[in-house]
Amino acid sequence: MATTRVKRTFAIYRQEGKDGAIVDKTGAVGEAASQDYKLGAPLKYTAGTIEALATGGADTGQVIGIALKDATETTGAAVPYYEANDYNLFEGTLINDTSAYVLLGTEVGVAYSLITADDNWYIDVNDETTKKVEVVGLISDVGDTNPRVICRFIGSMQSRVLQA
């Protein structure tokens, strides 16, 4: 029976690297000024500081990870996150732009962009232009609305991972 799920922001699904959460506060690195992102936001480096991707989904920046707590709105504050790398898998909700989406089961292996709505981040099946994540597994059942899926960040979108 199909279920309509509550949309939820990004979360860690499986962490396999030797490090758990990372807290970035070395030298000039820390929270950028005036940040108001929420837990689950994808983060990036900008001019030596950490900030959330630009809202909407068109941000082409590489992702360092997913925020483990809300921004403090304090410039230079330590930023805990799970790193976007080849070992960590995340779970996210699929939506169609900002509308509900019904899981088809054909999404595995497809790369999509990210979008924000109401301070939460989702996987946007409507936008394959600014691809950030690839769906690698299903959590929800086919036919569910606002389904949860397992995803990984595409190698070229991982800020801290060297590509071969």
N, C-alpha and C. Protein backbone atom coordinates (compact mmCIF):
# COMPACT_ATOMS: atom_id res chain seq x y z
N MET A 1 0.84 -1.17 0.00
CA MET A 1 0.00 0.00 0.00
C MET A 1 0.88 1.24 0.00
N ALA A 2 0.61 2.14 -0.89
CA ALA A 2 1.41 3.38 -1.01
C ALA A 2 1.18 4.27 0.20
N THR A 3 2.25 4.94 0.61
CA THR A 3 2.22 5.81 1.78
C THR A 3 2.69 7.20 1.38
N THR A 4 2.06 8.22 1.94
CA THR A 4 2.56 9.58 1.78
C THR A 4 3.41 9.87 3.00
N ARG A 5 4.69 10.09 2.77
CA ARG A 5 5.64 10.31 3.86
C ARG A 5 5.83 11.80 4.12
N VAL A 6 6.18 12.13 5.34
CA VAL A 6 6.53 13.50 5.69
C VAL A 6 7.89 13.79 5.08
N LYS A 7 8.03 14.92 4.39
CA LYS A 7 9.32 15.28 3.81
C LYS A 7 10.30 15.59 4.93
N ARG A 8 11.50 15.01 4.81
CA ARG A 8 12.56 15.25 5.79
C ARG A 8 13.83 15.64 5.06
N THR A 9 14.66 16.42 5.72
CA THR A 9 15.90 16.87 5.13
C THR A 9 16.94 15.75 5.11
N PHE A 10 18.13 16.04 4.59
CA PHE A 10 19.20 15.05 4.49
C PHE A 10 19.64 14.55 5.86
N ALA A 11 20.09 13.30 5.88
CA ALA A 11 20.63 12.68 7.10
C ALA A 11 21.66 11.64 6.67
N ILE A 12 22.52 11.27 7.59
CA ILE A 12 23.50 10.22 7.30
C ILE A 12 22.74 8.89 7.26
N TYR A 13 23.05 8.05 6.31
CA TYR A 13 22.45 6.72 6.21
C TYR A 13 23.44 5.68 6.72
N ARG A 14 24.66 5.74 6.20
CA ARG A 14 25.70 4.81 6.64
C ARG A 14 27.05 5.51 6.54
N GLN A 15 27.80 5.47 7.62
CA GLN A 15 29.12 6.11 7.69
C GLN A 15 30.15 5.01 7.81
N GLU A 16 31.01 4.86 6.80
CA GLU A 16 31.97 3.77 6.80
C GLU A 16 33.42 4.21 6.88
N GLY A 17 33.68 5.48 6.81
CA GLY A 17 35.06 5.95 6.89
C GLY A 17 35.60 5.80 8.29
N LYS A 18 36.88 6.04 8.47
CA LYS A 18 37.47 5.89 9.79
C LYS A 18 37.09 7.04 10.71
N ASP A 19 36.68 8.15 10.14
CA ASP A 19 36.27 9.30 10.94
C ASP A 19 34.75 9.36 11.03
N GLY A 20 34.24 9.80 12.15
CA GLY A 20 32.81 10.03 12.29
C GLY A 20 32.52 11.45 11.83
N ALA A 21 31.88 12.20 12.68
CA ALA A 21 31.59 13.59 12.36
C ALA A 21 32.89 14.39 12.34
N ILE A 22 32.95 15.36 11.47
CA ILE A 22 34.10 16.24 11.38
C ILE A 22 33.69 17.59 11.94
N VAL A 23 34.56 18.20 12.71
CA VAL A 23 34.32 19.56 13.19
C VAL A 23 35.41 20.42 12.58
N ASP A 24 35.03 21.31 11.70
CA ASP A 24 35.98 22.13 10.96
C ASP A 24 36.16 23.48 11.64
N LYS A 25 37.32 23.69 12.19
CA LYS A 25 37.66 24.97 12.83
C LYS A 25 39.17 25.05 12.91
N THR A 26 39.80 25.14 11.75
CA THR A 26 41.25 25.24 11.73
C THR A 26 41.64 26.53 11.05
N GLY A 27 42.34 27.36 11.73
CA GLY A 27 42.75 28.63 11.16
C GLY A 27 41.55 29.49 10.85
N ALA A 28 41.44 29.95 9.62
CA ALA A 28 40.34 30.83 9.22
C ALA A 28 39.06 30.06 8.93
N VAL A 29 39.15 28.73 8.88
CA VAL A 29 37.96 27.95 8.55
C VAL A 29 36.99 27.95 9.72
N GLY A 30 35.76 28.14 9.44
CA GLY A 30 34.67 28.14 10.42
C GLY A 30 33.45 28.66 9.71
N GLU A 31 32.42 28.86 10.46
CA GLU A 31 31.16 29.31 9.87
C GLU A 31 31.30 30.70 9.25
N ALA A 32 30.78 30.85 8.04
CA ALA A 32 30.79 32.15 7.36
C ALA A 32 29.80 33.09 8.06
N ALA A 33 29.94 34.37 7.82
CA ALA A 33 29.07 35.37 8.44
C ALA A 33 27.62 35.18 7.99
N SER A 34 26.70 35.46 8.89
CA SER A 34 25.26 35.50 8.61
C SER A 34 24.68 34.20 8.08
N GLN A 35 25.19 33.08 8.52
CA GLN A 35 24.64 31.79 8.08
C GLN A 35 23.41 31.44 8.91
N ASP A 36 22.37 30.94 8.24
CA ASP A 36 21.16 30.53 8.95
C ASP A 36 20.66 29.17 8.48
N TYR A 37 21.58 28.33 7.97
CA TYR A 37 21.19 27.00 7.50
C TYR A 37 20.73 26.14 8.68
N LYS A 38 20.03 25.08 8.33
CA LYS A 38 19.51 24.15 9.33
C LYS A 38 20.23 22.80 9.23
N LEU A 39 20.08 21.98 10.23
CA LEU A 39 20.60 20.62 10.25
C LEU A 39 20.22 19.94 8.94
N GLY A 40 21.18 19.24 8.33
CA GLY A 40 20.92 18.54 7.07
C GLY A 40 21.26 19.33 5.83
N ALA A 41 21.69 20.57 5.99
CA ALA A 41 22.03 21.40 4.82
C ALA A 41 23.37 20.96 4.22
N PRO A 42 23.48 20.91 2.90
CA PRO A 42 24.77 20.65 2.26
C PRO A 42 25.66 21.88 2.39
N LEU A 43 26.92 21.66 2.76
CA LEU A 43 27.85 22.75 3.04
C LEU A 43 28.96 22.80 2.00
N LYS A 44 29.56 23.99 1.84
CA LYS A 44 30.68 24.17 0.92
C LYS A 44 31.66 25.18 1.52
N TYR A 45 32.90 25.16 0.99
CA TYR A 45 33.89 26.16 1.36
C TYR A 45 33.70 27.38 0.46
N THR A 46 33.78 28.56 1.05
CA THR A 46 33.76 29.80 0.28
C THR A 46 34.71 30.78 0.94
N ALA A 47 35.73 31.16 0.22
CA ALA A 47 36.70 32.15 0.71
C ALA A 47 37.21 31.81 2.11
N GLY A 48 37.55 30.55 2.33
CA GLY A 48 38.14 30.15 3.60
C GLY A 48 37.16 29.96 4.73
N THR A 49 35.86 30.00 4.47
CA THR A 49 34.86 29.75 5.50
C THR A 49 33.87 28.70 4.98
N ILE A 50 32.96 28.29 5.85
CA ILE A 50 31.97 27.27 5.49
C ILE A 50 30.59 27.90 5.48
N GLU A 51 29.85 27.60 4.40
CA GLU A 51 28.49 28.08 4.31
C GLU A 51 27.63 27.04 3.60
N ALA A 52 26.32 27.20 3.67
CA ALA A 52 25.41 26.30 2.97
C ALA A 52 25.42 26.61 1.49
N LEU A 53 25.04 25.63 0.68
CA LEU A 53 24.85 25.89 -0.74
C LEU A 53 23.81 26.99 -0.88
N ALA A 54 23.87 27.71 -1.99
CA ALA A 54 22.86 28.74 -2.24
C ALA A 54 21.50 28.08 -2.37
N THR A 55 20.48 28.73 -1.86
CA THR A 55 19.14 28.16 -1.90
C THR A 55 18.64 28.05 -3.33
N GLY A 56 17.75 27.14 -3.55
CA GLY A 56 17.15 26.97 -4.86
C GLY A 56 17.62 25.71 -5.54
N GLY A 57 18.91 25.51 -5.70
CA GLY A 57 19.40 24.30 -6.31
C GLY A 57 20.37 24.53 -7.44
N ALA A 58 20.56 25.77 -7.88
CA ALA A 58 21.42 26.05 -9.03
C ALA A 58 22.89 26.20 -8.64
N ASP A 59 23.23 26.03 -7.37
CA ASP A 59 24.61 26.20 -6.91
C ASP A 59 25.49 25.12 -7.52
N THR A 60 26.58 25.53 -8.17
CA THR A 60 27.49 24.57 -8.81
C THR A 60 28.68 24.22 -7.93
N GLY A 61 28.73 24.74 -6.70
CA GLY A 61 29.84 24.48 -5.80
C GLY A 61 29.93 23.05 -5.35
N GLN A 62 31.15 22.62 -5.00
CA GLN A 62 31.38 21.28 -4.47
C GLN A 62 30.97 21.22 -3.00
N VAL A 63 30.48 20.09 -2.57
CA VAL A 63 29.96 19.91 -1.22
C VAL A 63 31.04 19.29 -0.34
N ILE A 64 31.22 19.85 0.87
CA ILE A 64 32.14 19.23 1.83
C ILE A 64 31.42 18.23 2.71
N GLY A 65 30.12 18.43 2.92
CA GLY A 65 29.37 17.51 3.75
C GLY A 65 28.00 18.03 4.10
N ILE A 66 27.34 17.34 5.02
CA ILE A 66 25.99 17.66 5.47
C ILE A 66 26.06 18.11 6.93
N ALA A 67 25.47 19.29 7.21
CA ALA A 67 25.51 19.88 8.54
C ALA A 67 24.86 18.99 9.59
N LEU A 68 25.54 18.87 10.74
CA LEU A 68 25.02 18.07 11.85
C LEU A 68 24.24 18.89 12.87
N LYS A 69 24.19 20.21 12.64
CA LYS A 69 23.39 21.07 13.51
C LYS A 69 23.10 22.36 12.77
N ASP A 70 22.17 23.12 13.30
CA ASP A 70 21.83 24.42 12.71
C ASP A 70 23.02 25.37 12.82
N ALA A 71 23.07 26.33 11.91
CA ALA A 71 24.10 27.37 11.98
C ALA A 71 23.93 28.17 13.27
N THR A 72 25.05 28.69 13.78
CA THR A 72 25.00 29.48 15.01
C THR A 72 24.83 30.96 14.73
N GLU A 73 25.02 31.37 13.46
CA GLU A 73 25.02 32.77 13.04
C GLU A 73 26.17 33.54 13.70
N THR A 74 27.23 32.79 14.07
CA THR A 74 28.43 33.38 14.66
C THR A 74 29.60 33.15 13.71
N THR A 75 30.15 34.19 13.17
CA THR A 75 31.26 34.09 12.24
C THR A 75 32.43 33.35 12.88
N GLY A 76 32.96 32.33 12.19
CA GLY A 76 34.10 31.59 12.68
C GLY A 76 33.77 30.44 13.61
N ALA A 77 32.49 30.23 13.91
CA ALA A 77 32.10 29.13 14.81
C ALA A 77 32.45 27.78 14.19
N ALA A 78 32.75 26.80 15.03
CA ALA A 78 33.05 25.45 14.56
C ALA A 78 31.82 24.87 13.86
N VAL A 79 32.06 24.11 12.79
CA VAL A 79 30.97 23.54 12.00
C VAL A 79 31.10 22.02 11.96
N PRO A 80 30.21 21.28 12.65
CA PRO A 80 30.24 19.82 12.57
C PRO A 80 29.44 19.33 11.37
N TYR A 81 29.98 18.33 10.67
CA TYR A 81 29.28 17.78 9.51
C TYR A 81 29.77 16.38 9.22
N TYR A 82 28.96 15.63 8.48
CA TYR A 82 29.39 14.35 7.92
C TYR A 82 29.93 14.64 6.54
N GLU A 83 31.14 14.18 6.28
CA GLU A 83 31.82 14.50 5.03
C GLU A 83 31.18 13.81 3.83
N ALA A 84 31.09 14.55 2.74
CA ALA A 84 30.68 13.99 1.45
C ALA A 84 31.91 13.31 0.86
N ASN A 85 31.95 11.99 0.89
CA ASN A 85 33.09 11.25 0.36
C ASN A 85 32.59 9.93 -0.24
N ASP A 86 33.50 9.10 -0.68
CA ASP A 86 33.12 7.85 -1.33
C ASP A 86 32.62 6.80 -0.34
N TYR A 87 32.77 7.01 0.96
CA TYR A 87 32.39 6.03 1.96
C TYR A 87 31.03 6.31 2.59
N ASN A 88 30.69 7.57 2.76
CA ASN A 88 29.45 7.91 3.44
C ASN A 88 28.27 7.91 2.49
N LEU A 89 27.18 7.30 2.94
CA LEU A 89 25.92 7.32 2.20
C LEU A 89 24.94 8.16 3.01
N PHE A 90 24.09 8.87 2.30
CA PHE A 90 23.11 9.74 2.93
C PHE A 90 21.71 9.30 2.52
N GLU A 91 20.72 9.75 3.27
CA GLU A 91 19.35 9.52 2.87
C GLU A 91 18.68 10.86 2.65
N GLY A 92 17.84 10.90 1.64
CA GLY A 92 17.16 12.15 1.30
C GLY A 92 15.77 11.86 0.77
N THR A 93 14.98 12.91 0.68
CA THR A 93 13.62 12.82 0.16
C THR A 93 13.60 13.29 -1.28
N LEU A 94 12.95 12.53 -2.15
CA LEU A 94 12.78 12.93 -3.54
C LEU A 94 11.55 13.82 -3.67
N ILE A 95 11.72 14.96 -4.36
CA ILE A 95 10.58 15.81 -4.69
C ILE A 95 10.73 16.26 -6.14
N ASN A 96 9.67 16.78 -6.71
CA ASN A 96 9.65 17.27 -8.08
C ASN A 96 9.56 18.79 -8.02
N ASP A 97 10.71 19.47 -8.14
CA ASP A 97 10.81 20.90 -7.89
C ASP A 97 10.40 21.10 -6.43
N THR A 98 9.28 21.70 -6.14
CA THR A 98 8.85 21.81 -4.74
C THR A 98 7.55 21.04 -4.52
N SER A 99 7.16 20.21 -5.48
CA SER A 99 5.92 19.43 -5.38
C SER A 99 6.22 18.00 -4.94
N ALA A 100 5.18 17.32 -4.49
CA ALA A 100 5.31 15.93 -4.07
C ALA A 100 5.70 15.06 -5.26
N TYR A 101 6.36 13.95 -4.97
CA TYR A 101 6.83 13.03 -6.01
C TYR A 101 6.49 11.61 -5.58
N VAL A 102 6.09 10.78 -6.54
CA VAL A 102 5.76 9.39 -6.28
C VAL A 102 6.90 8.51 -6.80
N LEU A 103 7.43 7.64 -5.94
CA LEU A 103 8.57 6.79 -6.27
C LEU A 103 8.20 5.78 -7.35
N LEU A 104 9.00 5.75 -8.42
CA LEU A 104 8.78 4.83 -9.54
C LEU A 104 9.61 3.56 -9.42
N GLY A 105 10.77 3.68 -8.77
CA GLY A 105 11.70 2.57 -8.67
C GLY A 105 12.79 2.61 -9.72
N THR A 106 12.66 3.52 -10.68
CA THR A 106 13.64 3.67 -11.76
C THR A 106 14.69 4.73 -11.44
N GLU A 107 14.65 5.29 -10.26
CA GLU A 107 15.54 6.39 -9.89
C GLU A 107 16.95 5.93 -9.51
N VAL A 108 17.12 4.65 -9.19
CA VAL A 108 18.43 4.14 -8.79
C VAL A 108 19.40 4.26 -9.97
N GLY A 109 20.57 4.83 -9.69
CA GLY A 109 21.59 5.03 -10.71
C GLY A 109 21.48 6.36 -11.43
N VAL A 110 20.48 7.16 -11.10
CA VAL A 110 20.29 8.46 -11.74
C VAL A 110 20.81 9.56 -10.82
N ALA A 111 21.47 10.56 -11.40
CA ALA A 111 22.00 11.70 -10.64
C ALA A 111 21.04 12.87 -10.74
N TYR A 112 20.86 13.55 -9.61
CA TYR A 112 19.94 14.68 -9.53
C TYR A 112 20.60 15.84 -8.78
N SER A 113 19.96 16.99 -8.86
CA SER A 113 20.43 18.15 -8.11
C SER A 113 19.72 18.19 -6.76
N LEU A 114 20.07 19.20 -5.98
CA LEU A 114 19.46 19.40 -4.67
C LEU A 114 18.65 20.69 -4.70
N ILE A 115 17.64 20.74 -3.87
CA ILE A 115 16.81 21.95 -3.79
C ILE A 115 16.43 22.15 -2.33
N THR A 116 16.20 23.40 -1.97
CA THR A 116 15.78 23.69 -0.60
C THR A 116 14.37 24.27 -0.60
N ALA A 117 13.62 23.91 0.40
CA ALA A 117 12.28 24.44 0.60
C ALA A 117 12.01 24.40 2.10
N ASP A 118 11.55 25.50 2.64
CA ASP A 118 11.25 25.59 4.08
C ASP A 118 12.45 25.21 4.94
N ASP A 119 13.65 25.64 4.54
CA ASP A 119 14.90 25.40 5.28
C ASP A 119 15.34 23.94 5.29
N ASN A 120 14.72 23.08 4.50
CA ASN A 120 15.13 21.69 4.39
C ASN A 120 15.62 21.42 2.98
N TRP A 121 16.52 20.46 2.85
CA TRP A 121 17.11 20.13 1.56
C TRP A 121 16.59 18.79 1.06
N TYR A 122 16.29 18.75 -0.23
CA TYR A 122 15.73 17.56 -0.85
C TYR A 122 16.45 17.26 -2.16
N ILE A 123 16.19 16.07 -2.71
CA ILE A 123 16.71 15.68 -4.02
C ILE A 123 15.64 16.01 -5.05
N ASP A 124 16.01 16.81 -6.04
CA ASP A 124 15.05 17.32 -7.02
C ASP A 124 15.09 16.49 -8.30
N VAL A 125 14.08 15.64 -8.52
CA VAL A 125 14.03 14.81 -9.71
C VAL A 125 13.74 15.63 -10.97
N ASN A 126 13.33 16.87 -10.80
CA ASN A 126 13.01 17.75 -11.91
C ASN A 126 14.26 18.40 -12.50
N ASP A 127 15.38 18.33 -11.82
CA ASP A 127 16.59 19.03 -12.26
C ASP A 127 17.77 18.05 -12.32
N GLU A 128 18.16 17.72 -13.54
CA GLU A 128 19.33 16.88 -13.74
C GLU A 128 20.49 17.71 -14.27
N THR A 129 20.39 19.04 -14.18
CA THR A 129 21.41 19.93 -14.71
C THR A 129 22.57 20.10 -13.75
N THR A 130 22.28 20.48 -12.51
CA THR A 130 23.32 20.71 -11.51
C THR A 130 23.44 19.49 -10.62
N LYS A 131 23.78 18.39 -11.19
CA LYS A 131 23.80 17.10 -10.48
C LYS A 131 24.78 17.12 -9.31
N LYS A 132 24.30 16.68 -8.17
CA LYS A 132 25.14 16.61 -6.96
C LYS A 132 25.17 15.20 -6.39
N VAL A 133 24.03 14.51 -6.43
CA VAL A 133 23.93 13.19 -5.81
C VAL A 133 23.42 12.16 -6.80
N GLU A 134 23.81 10.91 -6.54
CA GLU A 134 23.29 9.78 -7.30
C GLU A 134 22.50 8.89 -6.36
N VAL A 135 21.30 8.52 -6.76
CA VAL A 135 20.49 7.61 -5.97
C VAL A 135 21.08 6.21 -6.11
N VAL A 136 21.40 5.57 -4.97
CA VAL A 136 22.02 4.23 -5.00
C VAL A 136 21.13 3.16 -4.36
N GLY A 137 20.01 3.54 -3.78
CA GLY A 137 19.12 2.57 -3.18
C GLY A 137 17.82 3.20 -2.74
N LEU A 138 16.84 2.37 -2.49
CA LEU A 138 15.52 2.84 -2.07
C LEU A 138 15.28 2.48 -0.60
N ILE A 139 14.71 3.39 0.13
CA ILE A 139 14.27 3.14 1.51
C ILE A 139 12.76 2.95 1.51
N SER A 140 12.06 3.84 0.83
CA SER A 140 10.60 3.76 0.73
C SER A 140 10.18 2.74 -0.32
N ASP A 141 8.93 2.39 -0.32
CA ASP A 141 8.37 1.46 -1.29
C ASP A 141 7.97 2.18 -2.57
N VAL A 142 8.04 1.48 -3.69
CA VAL A 142 7.56 2.03 -4.96
C VAL A 142 6.10 2.43 -4.78
N GLY A 143 5.75 3.61 -5.25
CA GLY A 143 4.40 4.14 -5.10
C GLY A 143 4.25 5.11 -3.96
N ASP A 144 5.24 5.16 -3.04
CA ASP A 144 5.18 6.11 -1.92
C ASP A 144 5.38 7.54 -2.42
N THR A 145 4.70 8.47 -1.79
CA THR A 145 4.85 9.89 -2.08
C THR A 145 5.86 10.48 -1.11
N ASN A 146 6.70 11.40 -1.59
CA ASN A 146 7.79 11.98 -0.80
C ASN A 146 8.73 10.87 -0.29
N PRO A 147 9.18 9.99 -1.18
CA PRO A 147 9.95 8.82 -0.75
C PRO A 147 11.35 9.16 -0.26
N ARG A 148 11.86 8.31 0.64
CA ARG A 148 13.24 8.40 1.11
C ARG A 148 14.07 7.43 0.28
N VAL A 149 15.27 7.90 -0.11
CA VAL A 149 16.19 7.10 -0.89
C VAL A 149 17.59 7.21 -0.29
N ILE A 150 18.46 6.27 -0.66
CA ILE A 150 19.87 6.31 -0.27
C ILE A 150 20.63 6.96 -1.42
N CYS A 151 21.53 7.88 -1.09
CA CYS A 151 22.29 8.56 -2.14
C CYS A 151 23.73 8.76 -1.71
N ARG A 152 24.56 9.06 -2.68
CA ARG A 152 25.95 9.42 -2.43
C ARG A 152 26.25 10.66 -3.25
N PHE A 153 27.20 11.44 -2.79
CA PHE A 153 27.61 12.62 -3.56
C PHE A 153 28.51 12.17 -4.71
N ILE A 154 28.23 12.67 -5.88
CA ILE A 154 29.02 12.37 -7.07
C ILE A 154 30.46 12.82 -6.82
N GLY A 155 31.43 12.03 -7.27
CA GLY A 155 32.84 12.33 -7.02
C GLY A 155 33.25 13.74 -7.39
N SER A 156 32.82 14.26 -8.52
CA SER A 156 33.21 15.60 -8.93
C SER A 156 32.55 16.69 -8.08
N MET A 157 31.57 16.33 -7.25
CA MET A 157 30.91 17.29 -6.37
C MET A 157 31.39 17.19 -4.94
N GLN A 158 32.38 16.32 -4.68
CA GLN A 158 32.97 16.18 -3.35
C GLN A 158 34.15 17.11 -3.23
N SER A 159 34.06 18.07 -2.35
CA SER A 159 35.09 19.09 -2.21
C SER A 159 36.41 18.58 -1.68
N ARG A 160 36.37 17.64 -0.75
CA ARG A 160 37.59 17.24 -0.06
C ARG A 160 38.16 15.91 -0.53
N VAL A 161 37.62 15.34 -1.60
CA VAL A 161 38.09 14.07 -2.09
C VAL A 161 38.84 14.30 -3.42
N LEU A 162 40.07 13.80 -3.50
CA LEU A 162 40.84 13.96 -4.73
C LEU A 162 40.34 12.96 -5.75
N GLN A 163 40.08 13.45 -6.94
CA GLN A 163 39.64 12.59 -8.03
C GLN A 163 40.83 12.08 -8.81
N ALA A 164 40.74 10.83 -9.27
CA ALA A 164 41.83 10.22 -10.04
C ALA A 164 41.90 10.82 -11.43
